[in-house]
Amino acid sequence: MNLRDIKKDIEYVLSAFIEDCVVCASTKPQHQEKISALVDEAVDLFNEFRDKAAAKVEGSKKTYFNNLSKEVLEKSNDLWSRLSKIVAE
């Protein structure tokens, strides 16, 4: 994994989540506030991950980017789980 790939992954995963939130908000207007909070959290995560990706890495870059990639997937899965619970209500 390299810097370019991790930046693409961050953008793709969190953009897809935000798109799903927009669709859910349009079909479930009663949950718009909760979904909006998830979008705000996704934007914050996007900024956090982009900062981490751009940070100067000491040691193995491969290990750092692999760990960052795992963190992106874990946190995005958590966001999607929470969105699923909101939609199921």
Protein backbone atom coordinates (compact mmCIF):
# COMPACT_ATOMS: atom_id res chain seq x y z
CA MET A 1 0.00 0.00 0.00
CA ASN A 2 1.34 3.43 -0.87
CA LEU A 3 0.28 7.01 -0.24
CA ARG A 4 -1.65 7.38 -3.49
CA ASP A 5 -3.63 4.18 -2.88
CA ILE A 6 -4.49 5.05 0.70
CA LYS A 7 -5.71 8.51 -0.30
CA LYS A 8 -7.92 6.96 -3.00
CA ASP A 9 -9.29 4.42 -0.51
CA ILE A 10 -10.09 7.12 2.04
CA GLU A 11 -11.89 9.22 -0.55
CA TYR A 12 -13.77 6.30 -2.07
CA VAL A 13 -14.96 4.71 1.17
CA LEU A 14 -16.08 7.86 2.91
CA SER A 15 -17.60 9.39 -0.24
CA ALA A 16 -19.65 6.24 -0.75
CA PHE A 17 -20.84 6.43 2.84
CA ILE A 18 -21.88 10.06 2.46
CA GLU A 19 -23.76 9.22 -0.75
CA ASP A 20 -25.59 6.44 1.10
CA CYS A 21 -26.48 8.92 3.84
CA VAL A 22 -27.95 11.33 1.30
CA VAL A 23 -30.10 8.57 -0.18
CA CYS A 24 -31.25 7.42 3.26
CA ALA A 25 -32.04 10.97 4.35
CA SER A 26 -34.22 11.45 1.28
CA THR A 27 -36.14 8.22 1.94
CA LYS A 28 -36.30 8.60 5.74
CA PRO A 29 -36.80 12.33 6.40
CA GLN A 30 -37.81 11.63 10.02
CA HIS A 31 -34.20 10.53 10.72
CA GLN A 32 -32.53 13.42 8.94
CA GLU A 33 -30.90 14.85 12.09
CA LYS A 34 -29.29 11.52 13.04
CA ILE A 35 -28.10 10.95 9.48
CA SER A 36 -26.74 14.48 9.30
CA ALA A 37 -24.71 13.81 12.45
CA LEU A 38 -23.24 10.71 10.79
CA VAL A 39 -22.30 12.77 7.72
CA ASP A 40 -20.56 15.30 9.96
CA GLU A 41 -18.66 12.48 11.64
CA ALA A 42 -17.69 11.03 8.24
CA VAL A 43 -16.34 14.40 7.12
CA ASP A 44 -14.32 14.68 10.32
CA LEU A 45 -12.95 11.17 9.77
CA PHE A 46 -12.08 12.05 6.17
CA ASN A 47 -10.07 15.05 7.35
CA GLU A 48 -8.41 13.03 10.12
CA PHE A 49 -7.40 10.23 7.77
CA ARG A 50 -6.11 12.61 5.10
CA ASP A 51 -3.98 14.30 7.77
CA LYS A 52 -2.66 10.93 8.93
CA ALA A 53 -1.90 9.93 5.34
CA ALA A 54 0.01 13.16 4.75
CA ALA A 55 1.96 12.93 8.02
CA LYS A 56 5.67 12.29 7.94
CA VAL A 57 6.21 8.60 8.63
CA GLU A 58 9.18 7.35 10.57
CA GLY A 59 9.96 3.70 10.12
CA SER A 60 8.18 1.38 7.73
CA LYS A 61 5.78 3.26 5.47
CA LYS A 62 4.23 0.00 4.30
CA THR A 63 3.27 -0.98 7.85
CA TYR A 64 1.99 2.51 8.62
CA PHE A 65 -0.22 2.64 5.52
CA ASN A 66 -1.49 -0.92 6.05
CA ASN A 67 -2.49 -0.02 9.62
CA LEU A 68 -4.11 3.19 8.41
CA SER A 69 -6.04 1.26 5.77
CA LYS A 70 -7.33 -1.16 8.41
CA GLU A 71 -8.37 1.77 10.60
CA VAL A 72 -10.25 3.37 7.68
CA LEU A 73 -12.17 0.15 7.06
CA GLU A 74 -12.95 -0.43 10.75
CA LYS A 75 -14.25 3.07 11.35
CA SER A 76 -16.21 3.18 8.09
CA ASN A 77 -17.80 -0.20 8.90
CA ASP A 78 -18.86 1.26 12.24
CA LEU A 79 -20.45 4.22 10.45
CA TRP A 80 -22.32 1.94 8.05
CA SER A 81 -23.54 -0.21 10.96
CA ARG A 82 -24.89 2.85 12.71
CA LEU A 83 -26.57 4.04 9.51
CA SER A 84 -28.16 0.61 9.09
CA LYS A 85 -29.59 0.80 12.60
CA ILE A 86 -31.06 4.24 11.91
CA VAL A 87 -32.63 3.09 8.66
CA ALA A 88 -34.07 -0.02 10.34
CA GLU A 89 -35.95 2.10 12.90
